[in-house]
PDB file of N, CA and C in Angstrom:
ATOM      1  N   MET A   1      -9.199 -42.512  16.159  1.00  0.00           N
ATOM      2  CA  MET A   1      -9.420 -42.919  17.538  1.00  0.00           C
ATOM      3  C   MET A   1     -10.867 -42.594  17.885  1.00  0.00           C
ATOM      4  N   ASP A   2     -11.543 -43.502  18.556  1.00  0.00           N
ATOM      5  CA  ASP A   2     -12.956 -43.299  18.884  1.00  0.00           C
ATOM      6  C   ASP A   2     -13.117 -43.086  20.384  1.00  0.00           C
ATOM      7  N   ILE A   3     -13.448 -41.861  20.766  1.00  0.00           N
ATOM      8  CA  ILE A   3     -13.605 -41.513  22.181  1.00  0.00           C
ATOM      9  C   ILE A   3     -14.719 -42.322  22.831  1.00  0.00           C
ATOM     10  N   GLN A   4     -15.696 -42.768  22.050  1.00  0.00           N
ATOM     11  CA  GLN A   4     -16.799 -43.507  22.643  1.00  0.00           C
ATOM     12  C   GLN A   4     -16.360 -44.859  23.209  1.00  0.00           C
ATOM     13  N   ARG A   5     -15.194 -45.351  22.792  1.00  0.00           N
ATOM     14  CA  ARG A   5     -14.679 -46.575  23.399  1.00  0.00           C
ATOM     15  C   ARG A   5     -14.447 -46.378  24.885  1.00  0.00           C
ATOM     16  N   ALA A   6     -14.157 -45.176  25.290  1.00  0.00           N
ATOM     17  CA  ALA A   6     -13.873 -44.894  26.693  1.00  0.00           C
ATOM     18  C   ALA A   6     -15.077 -45.162  27.579  1.00  0.00           C
ATOM     19  N   VAL A   7     -16.276 -45.067  27.033  1.00  0.00           N
ATOM     20  CA  VAL A   7     -17.476 -45.301  27.823  1.00  0.00           C
ATOM     21  C   VAL A   7     -17.474 -46.700  28.418  1.00  0.00           C
ATOM     22  N   SER A   8     -16.929 -47.650  27.690  1.00  0.00           N
ATOM     23  CA  SER A   8     -16.912 -49.013  28.194  1.00  0.00           C
ATOM     24  C   SER A   8     -16.048 -49.156  29.438  1.00  0.00           C
ATOM     25  N   TYR A   9     -15.240 -48.160  29.745  1.00  0.00           N
ATOM     26  CA  TYR A   9     -14.373 -48.210  30.910  1.00  0.00           C
ATOM     27  C   TYR A   9     -15.044 -47.688  32.178  1.00  0.00           C
ATOM     28  N   GLN A  10     -16.287 -47.216  32.076  1.00  0.00           N
ATOM     29  CA  GLN A  10     -16.914 -46.599  33.236  1.00  0.00           C
ATOM     30  C   GLN A  10     -17.064 -47.566  34.405  1.00  0.00           C
ATOM     31  N   GLU A  11     -17.163 -48.854  34.146  1.00  0.00           N
ATOM     32  CA  GLU A  11     -17.299 -49.786  35.247  1.00  0.00           C
ATOM     33  C   GLU A  11     -16.014 -49.928  36.066  1.00  0.00           C
ATOM     34  N   PHE A  12     -14.924 -49.335  35.601  1.00  0.00           N
ATOM     35  CA  PHE A  12     -13.664 -49.402  36.322  1.00  0.00           C
ATOM     36  C   PHE A  12     -13.472 -48.235  37.276  1.00  0.00           C
ATOM     37  N   GLY A  13     -14.510 -47.454  37.522  1.00  0.00           N
ATOM     38  CA  GLY A  13     -14.437 -46.349  38.466  1.00  0.00           C
ATOM     39  C   GLY A  13     -13.497 -45.261  37.999  1.00  0.00           C
ATOM     40  N   TRP A  14     -12.581 -44.872  38.879  1.00  0.00           N
ATOM     41  CA  TRP A  14     -11.663 -43.777  38.562  1.00  0.00           C
ATOM     42  C   TRP A  14     -10.801 -44.076  37.348  1.00  0.00           C
ATOM     43  N   LYS A  15     -10.541 -45.352  37.089  1.00  0.00           N
ATOM     44  CA  LYS A  15      -9.752 -45.706  35.912  1.00  0.00           C
ATOM     45  C   LYS A  15     -10.473 -45.324  34.630  1.00  0.00           C
ATOM     46  N   GLY A  16     -11.809 -45.303  34.677  1.00  0.00           N
ATOM     47  CA  GLY A  16     -12.582 -44.915  33.504  1.00  0.00           C
ATOM     48  C   GLY A  16     -12.257 -43.504  33.068  1.00  0.00           C
ATOM     49  N   SER A  17     -12.189 -42.586  34.020  1.00  0.00           N
ATOM     50  CA  SER A  17     -11.845 -41.194  33.691  1.00  0.00           C
ATOM     51  C   SER A  17     -10.435 -41.105  33.137  1.00  0.00           C
ATOM     52  N   ARG A  18      -9.531 -41.800  33.757  1.00  0.00           N
ATOM     53  CA  ARG A  18      -8.136 -41.771  33.300  1.00  0.00           C
ATOM     54  C   ARG A  18      -8.025 -42.304  31.876  1.00  0.00           C
ATOM     55  N   LEU A  19      -8.702 -43.407  31.594  1.00  0.00           N
ATOM     56  CA  LEU A  19      -8.651 -43.989  30.252  1.00  0.00           C
ATOM     57  C   LEU A  19      -9.350 -43.099  29.227  1.00  0.00           C
ATOM     58  N   ALA A  20     -10.448 -42.481  29.619  1.00  0.00           N
ATOM     59  CA  ALA A  20     -11.142 -41.565  28.702  1.00  0.00           C
ATOM     60  C   ALA A  20     -10.236 -40.387  28.362  1.00  0.00           C
ATOM     61  N   CYS A  21      -9.539 -39.857  29.352  1.00  0.00           N
ATOM     62  CA  CYS A  21      -8.606 -38.747  29.119  1.00  0.00           C
ATOM     63  C   CYS A  21      -7.485 -39.170  28.178  1.00  0.00           C
ATOM     64  N   GLN A  22      -7.007 -40.378  28.362  1.00  0.00           N
ATOM     65  CA  GLN A  22      -5.947 -40.902  27.505  1.00  0.00           C
ATOM     66  C   GLN A  22      -6.439 -41.040  26.063  1.00  0.00           C
ATOM     67  N   ARG A  23      -7.644 -41.577  25.883  1.00  0.00           N
ATOM     68  CA  ARG A  23      -8.201 -41.740  24.538  1.00  0.00           C
ATOM     69  C   ARG A  23      -8.431 -40.387  23.865  1.00  0.00           C
ATOM     70  N   LEU A  24      -8.860 -39.414  24.634  1.00  0.00           N
ATOM     71  CA  LEU A  24      -9.072 -38.076  24.099  1.00  0.00           C
ATOM     72  C   LEU A  24      -7.742 -37.487  23.625  1.00  0.00           C
ATOM     73  N   LYS A  25      -6.706 -37.677  24.414  1.00  0.00           N
ATOM     74  CA  LYS A  25      -5.377 -37.191  24.042  1.00  0.00           C
ATOM     75  C   LYS A  25      -4.895 -37.862  22.752  1.00  0.00           C
ATOM     76  N   GLU A  26      -5.150 -39.160  22.617  1.00  0.00           N
ATOM     77  CA  GLU A  26      -4.771 -39.888  21.404  1.00  0.00           C
ATOM     78  C   GLU A  26      -5.536 -39.372  20.191  1.00  0.00           C
ATOM     79  N   ALA A  27      -6.820 -39.093  20.367  1.00  0.00           N
ATOM     80  CA  ALA A  27      -7.636 -38.587  19.266  1.00  0.00           C
ATOM     81  C   ALA A  27      -7.138 -37.219  18.813  1.00  0.00           C
ATOM     82  N   VAL A  28      -6.798 -36.357  19.756  1.00  0.00           N
ATOM     83  CA  VAL A  28      -6.280 -35.031  19.410  1.00  0.00           C
ATOM     84  C   VAL A  28      -4.957 -35.170  18.648  1.00  0.00           C
ATOM     85  N   ALA A  29      -4.096 -36.053  19.102  1.00  0.00           N
ATOM     86  CA  ALA A  29      -2.814 -36.258  18.423  1.00  0.00           C
ATOM     87  C   ALA A  29      -3.030 -36.727  16.984  1.00  0.00           C
ATOM     88  N   GLU A  30      -3.982 -37.605  16.789  1.00  0.00           N
ATOM     89  CA  GLU A  30      -4.266 -38.110  15.447  1.00  0.00           C
ATOM     90  C   GLU A  30      -4.803 -36.998  14.545  1.00  0.00           C
ATOM     91  N   ILE A  31      -5.672 -36.166  15.074  1.00  0.00           N
ATOM     92  CA  ILE A  31      -6.228 -35.057  14.294  1.00  0.00           C
ATOM     93  C   ILE A  31      -5.141 -34.038  13.964  1.00  0.00           C
ATOM     94  N   LYS A  32      -4.279 -33.735  14.925  1.00  0.00           N
ATOM     95  CA  LYS A  32      -3.188 -32.787  14.669  1.00  0.00           C
ATOM     96  C   LYS A  32      -2.232 -33.329  13.602  1.00  0.00           C
ATOM     97  N   LYS A  33      -1.961 -34.605  13.633  1.00  0.00           N
ATOM     98  CA  LYS A  33      -1.097 -35.230  12.630  1.00  0.00           C
ATOM     99  C   LYS A  33      -1.746 -35.130  11.250  1.00  0.00           C
ATOM    100  N   THR A  34      -3.049 -35.394  11.187  1.00  0.00           N
ATOM    101  CA  THR A  34      -3.770 -35.300   9.919  1.00  0.00           C
ATOM    102  C   THR A  34      -3.766 -33.876   9.389  1.00  0.00           C
ATOM    103  N   ALA A  35      -3.843 -32.895  10.291  1.00  0.00           N
ATOM    104  CA  ALA A  35      -3.892 -31.487   9.883  1.00  0.00           C
ATOM    105  C   ALA A  35      -2.646 -31.065   9.107  1.00  0.00           C
ATOM    106  N   LYS A  36      -1.535 -31.703   9.368  1.00  0.00           N
ATOM    107  CA  LYS A  36      -0.304 -31.357   8.657  1.00  0.00           C
ATOM    108  C   LYS A  36      -0.400 -31.668   7.167  1.00  0.00           C
ATOM    109  N   ALA A  37      -1.163 -32.711   6.830  1.00  0.00           N
ATOM    110  CA  ALA A  37      -1.300 -33.119   5.431  1.00  0.00           C
ATOM    111  C   ALA A  37      -2.609 -32.663   4.807  1.00  0.00           C
ATOM    112  N   ASP A  38      -3.679 -32.592   5.610  1.00  0.00           N
ATOM    113  CA  ASP A  38      -5.008 -32.290   5.066  1.00  0.00           C
ATOM    114  C   ASP A  38      -5.832 -31.565   6.124  1.00  0.00           C
ATOM    115  N   SER A  39      -5.784 -30.259   6.082  1.00  0.00           N
ATOM    116  CA  SER A  39      -6.443 -29.461   7.117  1.00  0.00           C
ATOM    117  C   SER A  39      -7.963 -29.601   7.112  1.00  0.00           C
ATOM    118  N   VAL A  40      -8.553 -29.816   5.954  1.00  0.00           N
ATOM    119  CA  VAL A  40     -10.013 -29.937   5.869  1.00  0.00           C
ATOM    120  C   VAL A  40     -10.477 -31.245   6.513  1.00  0.00           C
ATOM    121  N   THR A  41      -9.803 -32.334   6.202  1.00  0.00           N
ATOM    122  CA  THR A  41     -10.151 -33.621   6.818  1.00  0.00           C
ATOM    123  C   THR A  41      -9.939 -33.558   8.329  1.00  0.00           C
ATOM    124  N   ALA A  42      -8.861 -32.933   8.749  1.00  0.00           N
ATOM    125  CA  ALA A  42      -8.588 -32.794  10.183  1.00  0.00           C
ATOM    126  C   ALA A  42      -9.674 -31.964  10.865  1.00  0.00           C
ATOM    127  N   ALA A  43     -10.068 -30.876  10.242  1.00  0.00           N
ATOM    128  CA  ALA A  43     -11.110 -30.025  10.827  1.00  0.00           C
ATOM    129  C   ALA A  43     -12.437 -30.771  10.913  1.00  0.00           C
ATOM    130  N   ASP A  44     -12.770 -31.525   9.883  1.00  0.00           N
ATOM    131  CA  ASP A  44     -14.002 -32.321   9.930  1.00  0.00           C
ATOM    132  C   ASP A  44     -13.912 -33.376  11.031  1.00  0.00           C
ATOM    133  N   GLY A  45     -12.737 -33.971  11.199  1.00  0.00           N
ATOM    134  CA  GLY A  45     -12.534 -34.930  12.283  1.00  0.00           C
ATOM    135  C   GLY A  45     -12.662 -34.277  13.644  1.00  0.00           C
ATOM    136  N   ALA A  46     -12.175 -33.043  13.761  1.00  0.00           N
ATOM    137  CA  ALA A  46     -12.296 -32.315  15.022  1.00  0.00           C
ATOM    138  C   ALA A  46     -13.756 -32.034  15.351  1.00  0.00           C
ATOM    139  N   VAL A  47     -14.532 -31.640  14.356  1.00  0.00           N
ATOM    140  CA  VAL A  47     -15.963 -31.396  14.572  1.00  0.00           C
ATOM    141  C   VAL A  47     -16.646 -32.693  14.987  1.00  0.00           C
ATOM    142  N   THR A  48     -16.312 -33.783  14.340  1.00  0.00           N
ATOM    143  CA  THR A  48     -16.894 -35.081  14.691  1.00  0.00           C
ATOM    144  C   THR A  48     -16.533 -35.475  16.116  1.00  0.00           C
ATOM    145  N   LEU A  49     -15.287 -35.259  16.507  1.00  0.00           N
ATOM    146  CA  LEU A  49     -14.878 -35.572  17.878  1.00  0.00           C
ATOM    147  C   LEU A  49     -15.661 -34.729  18.885  1.00  0.00           C
ATOM    148  N   VAL A  50     -15.811 -33.452  18.601  1.00  0.00           N
ATOM    149  CA  VAL A  50     -16.579 -32.577  19.502  1.00  0.00           C
ATOM    150  C   VAL A  50     -18.009 -33.093  19.631  1.00  0.00           C
ATOM    151  N   GLU A  51     -18.574 -33.573  18.534  1.00  0.00           N
ATOM    152  CA  GLU A  51     -19.927 -34.125  18.573  1.00  0.00           C
ATOM    153  C   GLU A  51     -20.026 -35.350  19.489  1.00  0.00           C
ATOM    154  N   LYS A  52     -18.953 -36.090  19.620  1.00  0.00           N
ATOM    155  CA  LYS A  52     -18.979 -37.332  20.387  1.00  0.00           C
ATOM    156  C   LYS A  52     -18.607 -37.162  21.859  1.00  0.00           C
ATOM    157  N   ILE A  53     -18.096 -36.009  22.227  1.00  0.00           N
ATOM    158  CA  ILE A  53     -17.604 -35.831  23.599  1.00  0.00           C
ATOM    159  C   ILE A  53     -18.702 -36.044  24.634  1.00  0.00           C
ATOM    160  N   TRP A  54     -19.797 -35.327  24.530  1.00  0.00           N
ATOM    161  CA  TRP A  54     -20.840 -35.462  25.547  1.00  0.00           C
ATOM    162  C   TRP A  54     -21.461 -36.852  25.558  1.00  0.00           C
ATOM    163  N   PRO A  55     -21.869 -37.416  24.412  1.00  0.00           N
ATOM    164  CA  PRO A  55     -22.425 -38.772  24.475  1.00  0.00           C
ATOM    165  C   PRO A  55     -21.459 -39.796  25.070  1.00  0.00           C
ATOM    166  N   ALA A  56     -20.171 -39.621  24.815  1.00  0.00           N
ATOM    167  CA  ALA A  56     -19.182 -40.581  25.312  1.00  0.00           C
ATOM    168  C   ALA A  56     -18.932 -40.441  26.805  1.00  0.00           C
ATOM    169  N   LEU A  57     -19.048 -39.233  27.321  1.00  0.00           N
ATOM    170  CA  LEU A  57     -18.646 -38.992  28.706  1.00  0.00           C
ATOM    171  C   LEU A  57     -19.802 -38.757  29.673  1.00  0.00           C
ATOM    172  N   GLU A  58     -21.018 -38.666  29.163  1.00  0.00           N
ATOM    173  CA  GLU A  58     -22.131 -38.266  30.016  1.00  0.00           C
ATOM    174  C   GLU A  58     -22.389 -39.198  31.195  1.00  0.00           C
ATOM    175  N   SER A  59     -22.087 -40.474  31.069  1.00  0.00           N
ATOM    176  CA  SER A  59     -22.361 -41.391  32.176  1.00  0.00           C
ATOM    177  C   SER A  59     -21.131 -41.677  33.032  1.00  0.00           C
ATOM    178  N   MET A  60     -20.053 -40.977  32.784  1.00  0.00           N
ATOM    179  CA  MET A  60     -18.830 -41.214  33.547  1.00  0.00           C
ATOM    180  C   MET A  60     -18.751 -40.272  34.740  1.00  0.00           C
ATOM    181  N   ASP A  61     -18.097 -40.729  35.785  1.00  0.00           N
ATOM    182  CA  ASP A  61     -17.885 -39.914  36.982  1.00  0.00           C
ATOM    183  C   ASP A  61     -16.847 -38.840  36.653  1.00  0.00           C
ATOM    184  N   SER A  62     -17.279 -37.599  36.729  1.00  0.00           N
ATOM    185  CA  SER A  62     -16.355 -36.506  36.416  1.00  0.00           C
ATOM    186  C   SER A  62     -16.087 -35.641  37.641  1.00  0.00           C
ATOM    187  N   SER A  63     -16.314 -36.200  38.815  1.00  0.00           N
ATOM    188  CA  SER A  63     -16.191 -35.419  40.045  1.00  0.00           C
ATOM    189  C   SER A  63     -14.759 -34.953  40.320  1.00  0.00           C
ATOM    190  N   SER A  64     -13.772 -35.635  39.779  1.00  0.00           N
ATOM    191  CA  SER A  64     -12.379 -35.219  40.012  1.00  0.00           C
ATOM    192  C   SER A  64     -12.002 -33.999  39.185  1.00  0.00           C
ATOM    193  N   GLY A  65     -12.761 -33.719  38.148  1.00  0.00           N
ATOM    194  CA  GLY A  65     -12.448 -32.601  37.269  1.00  0.00           C
ATOM    195  C   GLY A  65     -11.500 -32.967  36.142  1.00  0.00           C
ATOM    196  N   ALA A  66     -11.000 -34.196  36.158  1.00  0.00           N
ATOM    197  CA  ALA A  66     -10.036 -34.610  35.137  1.00  0.00           C
ATOM    198  C   ALA A  66     -10.654 -34.600  33.747  1.00  0.00           C
ATOM    199  N   LEU A  67     -11.882 -35.069  33.629  1.00  0.00           N
ATOM    200  CA  LEU A  67     -12.511 -35.095  32.313  1.00  0.00           C
ATOM    201  C   LEU A  67     -12.724 -33.687  31.772  1.00  0.00           C
ATOM    202  N   GLY A  68     -13.233 -32.811  32.596  1.00  0.00           N
ATOM    203  CA  GLY A  68     -13.437 -31.431  32.163  1.00  0.00           C
ATOM    204  C   GLY A  68     -12.137 -30.772  31.743  1.00  0.00           C
ATOM    205  N   GLY A  69     -11.082 -31.038  32.501  1.00  0.00           N
ATOM    206  CA  GLY A  69      -9.776 -30.490  32.158  1.00  0.00           C
ATOM    207  C   GLY A  69      -9.253 -31.035  30.836  1.00  0.00           C
ATOM    208  N   SER A  70      -9.434 -32.324  30.621  1.00  0.00           N
ATOM    209  CA  SER A  70      -8.980 -32.938  29.366  1.00  0.00           C
ATOM    210  C   SER A  70      -9.784 -32.430  28.175  1.00  0.00           C
ATOM    211  N   VAL A  71     -11.087 -32.286  28.362  1.00  0.00           N
ATOM    212  CA  VAL A  71     -11.918 -31.765  27.280  1.00  0.00           C
ATOM    213  C   VAL A  71     -11.510 -30.326  26.966  1.00  0.00           C
ATOM    214  N   GLY A  72     -11.300 -29.517  27.990  1.00  0.00           N
ATOM    215  CA  GLY A  72     -10.872 -28.140  27.774  1.00  0.00           C
ATOM    216  C   GLY A  72      -9.554 -28.072  27.029  1.00  0.00           C
ATOM    217  N   TRP A  73      -8.610 -28.904  27.424  1.00  0.00           N
ATOM    218  CA  TRP A  73      -7.311 -28.962  26.746  1.00  0.00           C
ATOM    219  C   TRP A  73      -7.497 -29.357  25.286  1.00  0.00           C
ATOM    220  N   ALA A  74      -8.302 -30.401  25.062  1.00  0.00           N
ATOM    221  CA  ALA A  74      -8.531 -30.884  23.695  1.00  0.00           C
ATOM    222  C   ALA A  74      -9.145 -29.798  22.826  1.00  0.00           C
ATOM    223  N   LEU A  75     -10.095 -29.077  23.360  1.00  0.00           N
ATOM    224  CA  LEU A  75     -10.748 -28.030  22.580  1.00  0.00           C
ATOM    225  C   LEU A  75      -9.790 -26.902  22.231  1.00  0.00           C
ATOM    226  N   THR A  76      -8.844 -26.588  23.133  1.00  0.00           N
ATOM    227  CA  THR A  76      -7.869 -25.542  22.815  1.00  0.00           C
ATOM    228  C   THR A  76      -6.954 -25.972  21.668  1.00  0.00           C
ATOM    229  N   LYS A  77      -6.763 -27.266  21.518  1.00  0.00           N
ATOM    230  CA  LYS A  77      -5.946 -27.783  20.420  1.00  0.00           C
ATOM    231  C   LYS A  77      -6.745 -27.921  19.125  1.00  0.00           C
ATOM    232  N   LEU A  78      -8.030 -28.263  19.236  1.00  0.00           N
ATOM    233  CA  LEU A  78      -8.842 -28.564  18.060  1.00  0.00           C
ATOM    234  C   LEU A  78      -9.491 -27.351  17.415  1.00  0.00           C
ATOM    235  N   LEU A  79      -9.929 -26.396  18.219  1.00  0.00           N
ATOM    236  CA  LEU A  79     -10.648 -25.252  17.654  1.00  0.00           C
ATOM    237  C   LEU A  79      -9.828 -24.475  16.618  1.00  0.00           C
ATOM    238  N   PRO A  80      -8.540 -24.233  16.844  1.00  0.00           N
ATOM    239  CA  PRO A  80      -7.770 -23.539  15.801  1.00  0.00           C
ATOM    240  C   PRO A  80      -7.729 -24.317  14.483  1.00  0.00           C
ATOM    241  N   ILE A  81      -7.729 -25.633  14.551  1.00  0.00           N
ATOM    242  CA  ILE A  81      -7.724 -26.447  13.327  1.00  0.00           C
ATOM    243  C   ILE A  81      -9.013 -26.205  12.546  1.00  0.00           C
ATOM    244  N   VAL A  82     -10.132 -26.144  13.248  1.00  0.00           N
ATOM    245  CA  VAL A  82     -11.425 -25.908  12.590  1.00  0.00           C
ATOM    246  C   VAL A  82     -11.479 -24.488  12.035  1.00  0.00           C
ATOM    247  N   VAL A  83     -11.060 -23.530  12.826  1.00  0.00           N
ATOM    248  CA  VAL A  83     -11.133 -22.123  12.416  1.00  0.00           C
ATOM    249  C   VAL A  83     -10.243 -21.857  11.209  1.00  0.00           C
ATOM    250  N   GLU A  84      -9.061 -22.437  11.191  1.00  0.00           N
ATOM    251  CA  GLU A  84      -8.088 -22.132  10.147  1.00  0.00           C
ATOM    252  C   GLU A  84      -8.254 -22.949   8.873  1.00  0.00           C
ATOM    253  N   ALA A  85      -9.109 -23.955   8.885  1.00  0.00           N
ATOM    254  CA  ALA A  85      -9.303 -24.790   7.695  1.00  0.00           C
ATOM    255  C   ALA A  85      -9.879 -23.946   6.560  1.00  0.00           C
ATOM    256  N   ARG A  86      -9.296 -24.097   5.398  1.00  0.00           N
ATOM    257  CA  ARG A  86      -9.766 -23.363   4.217  1.00  0.00           C
ATOM    258  C   ARG A  86     -10.841 -24.189   3.527  1.00  0.00           C
ATOM    259  N   VAL A  87     -12.078 -23.838   3.839  1.00  0.00           N
ATOM    260  CA  VAL A  87     -13.227 -24.542   3.260  1.00  0.00           C
ATOM    261  C   VAL A  87     -14.211 -23.523   2.702  1.00  0.00           C
ATOM    262  N   ASN A  88     -15.102 -24.012   1.860  1.00  0.00           N
ATOM    263  CA  ASN A  88     -16.112 -23.119   1.308  1.00  0.00           C
ATOM    264  C   ASN A  88     -17.159 -22.787   2.374  1.00  0.00           C
ATOM    265  N   ARG A  89     -17.941 -21.806   2.097  1.00  0.00           N
ATOM    266  CA  ARG A  89     -18.943 -21.313   3.062  1.00  0.00           C
ATOM    267  C   ARG A  89     -19.958 -22.399   3.422  1.00  0.00           C
ATOM    268  N   LYS A  90     -20.352 -23.194   2.464  1.00  0.00           N
ATOM    269  CA  LYS A  90     -21.341 -24.251   2.710  1.00  0.00           C
ATOM    270  C   LYS A  90     -20.818 -25.252   3.744  1.00  0.00           C
ATOM    271  N   THR A  91     -19.587 -25.676   3.594  1.00  0.00           N
ATOM    272  CA  THR A  91     -18.992 -26.628   4.545  1.00  0.00           C
ATOM    273  C   THR A  91     -18.872 -26.007   5.932  1.00  0.00           C
ATOM    274  N   ARG A  92     -18.384 -24.778   5.984  1.00  0.00           N
ATOM    275  CA  ARG A  92     -18.247 -24.111   7.283  1.00  0.00           C
ATOM    276  C   ARG A  92     -19.607 -23.952   7.959  1.00  0.00           C
ATOM    277  N   ASP A  93     -20.625 -23.588   7.192  1.00  0.00           N
ATOM    278  CA  ASP A  93     -21.979 -23.467   7.750  1.00  0.00           C
ATOM    279  C   ASP A  93     -22.481 -24.801   8.286  1.00  0.00           C
ATOM    280  N   GLN A  94     -22.180 -25.884   7.578  1.00  0.00           N
ATOM    281  CA  GLN A  94     -22.579 -27.220   8.055  1.00  0.00           C
ATOM    282  C   GLN A  94     -21.881 -27.550   9.373  1.00  0.00           C
ATOM    283  N   TRP A  95     -20.606 -27.232   9.472  1.00  0.00           N
ATOM    284  CA  TRP A  95     -19.883 -27.457  10.727  1.00  0.00           C
ATOM    285  C   TRP A  95     -20.501 -26.647  11.861  1.00  0.00           C
ATOM    286  N   LEU A  96     -20.838 -25.396  11.565  1.00  0.00           N
ATOM    287  CA  LEU A  96     -21.426 -24.537  12.596  1.00  0.00           C
ATOM    288  C   LEU A  96     -22.773 -25.067  13.080  1.00  0.00           C
ATOM    289  N   VAL A  97     -23.571 -25.570  12.175  1.00  0.00           N
ATOM    290  CA  VAL A  97     -24.861 -26.157  12.560  1.00  0.00           C
ATOM    291  C   VAL A  97     -24.623 -27.378  13.454  1.00  0.00           C
ATOM    292  N   ARG A  98     -23.692 -28.226  13.071  1.00  0.00           N
ATOM    293  CA  ARG A  98     -23.373 -29.415  13.870  1.00  0.00           C
ATOM    294  C   ARG A  98     -22.872 -29.029  15.258  1.00  0.00           C
ATOM    295  N   LEU A  99     -21.988 -28.051  15.315  1.00  0.00           N
ATOM    296  CA  LEU A  99     -21.449 -27.615  16.605  1.00  0.00           C
ATOM    297  C   LEU A  99     -22.523 -26.953  17.467  1.00  0.00           C
ATOM    298  N   PHE A 100     -23.372 -26.167  16.859  1.00  0.00           N
ATOM    299  CA  PHE A 100     -24.461 -25.537  17.603  1.00  0.00           C
ATOM    300  C   PHE A 100     -25.360 -26.600  18.233  1.00  0.00           C
ATOM    301  N   GLN A 101     -25.664 -27.646  17.487  1.00  0.00           N
ATOM    302  CA  GLN A 101     -26.522 -28.717  18.002  1.00  0.00           C
ATOM    303  C   GLN A 101     -25.890 -29.407  19.211  1.00  0.00           C
ATOM    304  N   VAL A 102     -24.593 -29.708  19.144  1.00  0.00           N
ATOM    305  CA  VAL A 102     -23.962 -30.396  20.275  1.00  0.00           C
ATOM    306  C   VAL A 102     -23.811 -29.480  21.477  1.00  0.00           C
ATOM    307  N   ILE A 103     -23.672 -28.191  21.247  1.00  0.00           N
ATOM    308  CA  ILE A 103     -23.640 -27.248  22.372  1.00  0.00           C
ATOM    309  C   ILE A 103     -24.977 -27.288  23.113  1.00  0.00           C
ATOM    310  N   LEU A 104     -26.060 -27.346  22.353  1.00  0.00           N
ATOM    311  CA  LEU A 104     -27.390 -27.418  22.973  1.00  0.00           C
ATOM    312  C   LEU A 104     -27.586 -28.700  23.774  1.00  0.00           C
ATOM    313  N   GLU A 105     -26.960 -29.787  23.336  1.00  0.00           N
ATOM    314  CA  GLU A 105     -27.127 -31.092  23.975  1.00  0.00           C
ATOM    315  C   GLU A 105     -26.124 -31.352  25.096  1.00  0.00           C
ATOM    316  N   ASP A 106     -25.123 -30.521  25.231  1.00  0.00           N
ATOM    317  CA  ASP A 106     -24.059 -30.709  26.218  1.00  0.00           C
ATOM    318  C   ASP A 106     -24.625 -30.552  27.628  1.00  0.00           C
ATOM    319  N   GLY A 107     -24.619 -31.620  28.388  1.00  0.00           N
ATOM    320  CA  GLY A 107     -25.256 -31.630  29.697  1.00  0.00           C
ATOM    321  C   GLY A 107     -24.484 -30.979  30.829  1.00  0.00           C
ATOM    322  N   VAL A 108     -23.166 -30.846  30.724  1.00  0.00           N
ATOM    323  CA  VAL A 108     -22.388 -30.269  31.825  1.00  0.00           C
ATOM    324  C   VAL A 108     -21.494 -29.129  31.379  1.00  0.00           C
ATOM    325  N   ASP A 109     -21.773 -28.596  30.235  1.00  0.00           N
ATOM    326  CA  ASP A 109     -21.036 -27.438  29.718  1.00  0.00           C
ATOM    327  C   ASP A 109     -19.578 -27.747  29.390  1.00  0.00           C
ATOM    328  N   TYR A 110     -19.284 -28.984  28.979  1.00  0.00           N
ATOM    329  CA  TYR A 110     -17.941 -29.316  28.523  1.00  0.00           C
ATOM    330  C   TYR A 110     -17.534 -28.431  27.346  1.00  0.00           C
ATOM    331  N   LEU A 111     -18.513 -28.065  26.528  1.00  0.00           N
ATOM    332  CA  LEU A 111     -18.228 -27.411  25.257  1.00  0.00           C
ATOM    333  C   LEU A 111     -18.294 -25.885  25.316  1.00  0.00           C
ATOM    334  N   TRP A 112     -18.212 -25.313  26.510  1.00  0.00           N
ATOM    335  CA  TRP A 112     -18.302 -23.856  26.608  1.00  0.00           C
ATOM    336  C   TRP A 112     -17.249 -23.143  25.768  1.00  0.00           C
ATOM    337  N   PRO A 113     -16.008 -23.703  25.595  1.00  0.00           N
ATOM    338  CA  PRO A 113     -15.051 -22.996  24.734  1.00  0.00           C
ATOM    339  C   PRO A 113     -15.518 -22.917  23.279  1.00  0.00           C
ATOM    340  N   VAL A 114     -16.230 -23.931  22.836  1.00  0.00           N
ATOM    341  CA  VAL A 114     -16.756 -23.922  21.472  1.00  0.00           C
ATOM    342  C   VAL A 114     -17.811 -22.822  21.356  1.00  0.00           C
ATOM    343  N   GLN A 115     -18.664 -22.744  22.353  1.00  0.00           N
ATOM    344  CA  GLN A 115     -19.706 -21.739  22.351  1.00  0.00           C
ATOM    345  C   GLN A 115     -19.104 -20.334  22.352  1.00  0.00           C
ATOM    346  N   GLU A 116     -18.064 -20.127  23.149  1.00  0.00           N
ATOM    347  CA  GLU A 116     -17.407 -18.827  23.212  1.00  0.00           C
ATOM    348  C   GLU A 116     -16.769 -18.439  21.899  1.00  0.00           C
ATOM    349  N   ARG A 117     -16.227 -19.424  21.216  1.00  0.00           N
ATOM    350  CA  ARG A 117     -15.500 -19.186  19.964  1.00  0.00           C
ATOM    351  C   ARG A 117     -16.462 -18.879  18.848  1.00  0.00           C
TER     352      ARG A 117
END
């Protein structure tokens, strides 16, 4: 599932936030399903999704708080998948570099749970 598709919904006003939240929920479900069979692929998918959150949502109206709430929920589901994945040090370091970069680029602090973790 590609969260960036939700950006195309921004012209629909409040429906854009609702659809973005729905797409985020679908992406999390897909990653959780993948984790049952392949935790490393799921964790890499979770890191990729985290990388796409800010670019996908930065131009959307988040005044209702729904987007922030959905992102927070998604991160609580995804971070354990990343943490628990059994990968070598090189892969984990690459994920950490990628996550650090998106934390720096996050314009509204959506990713504060990642930073805390």
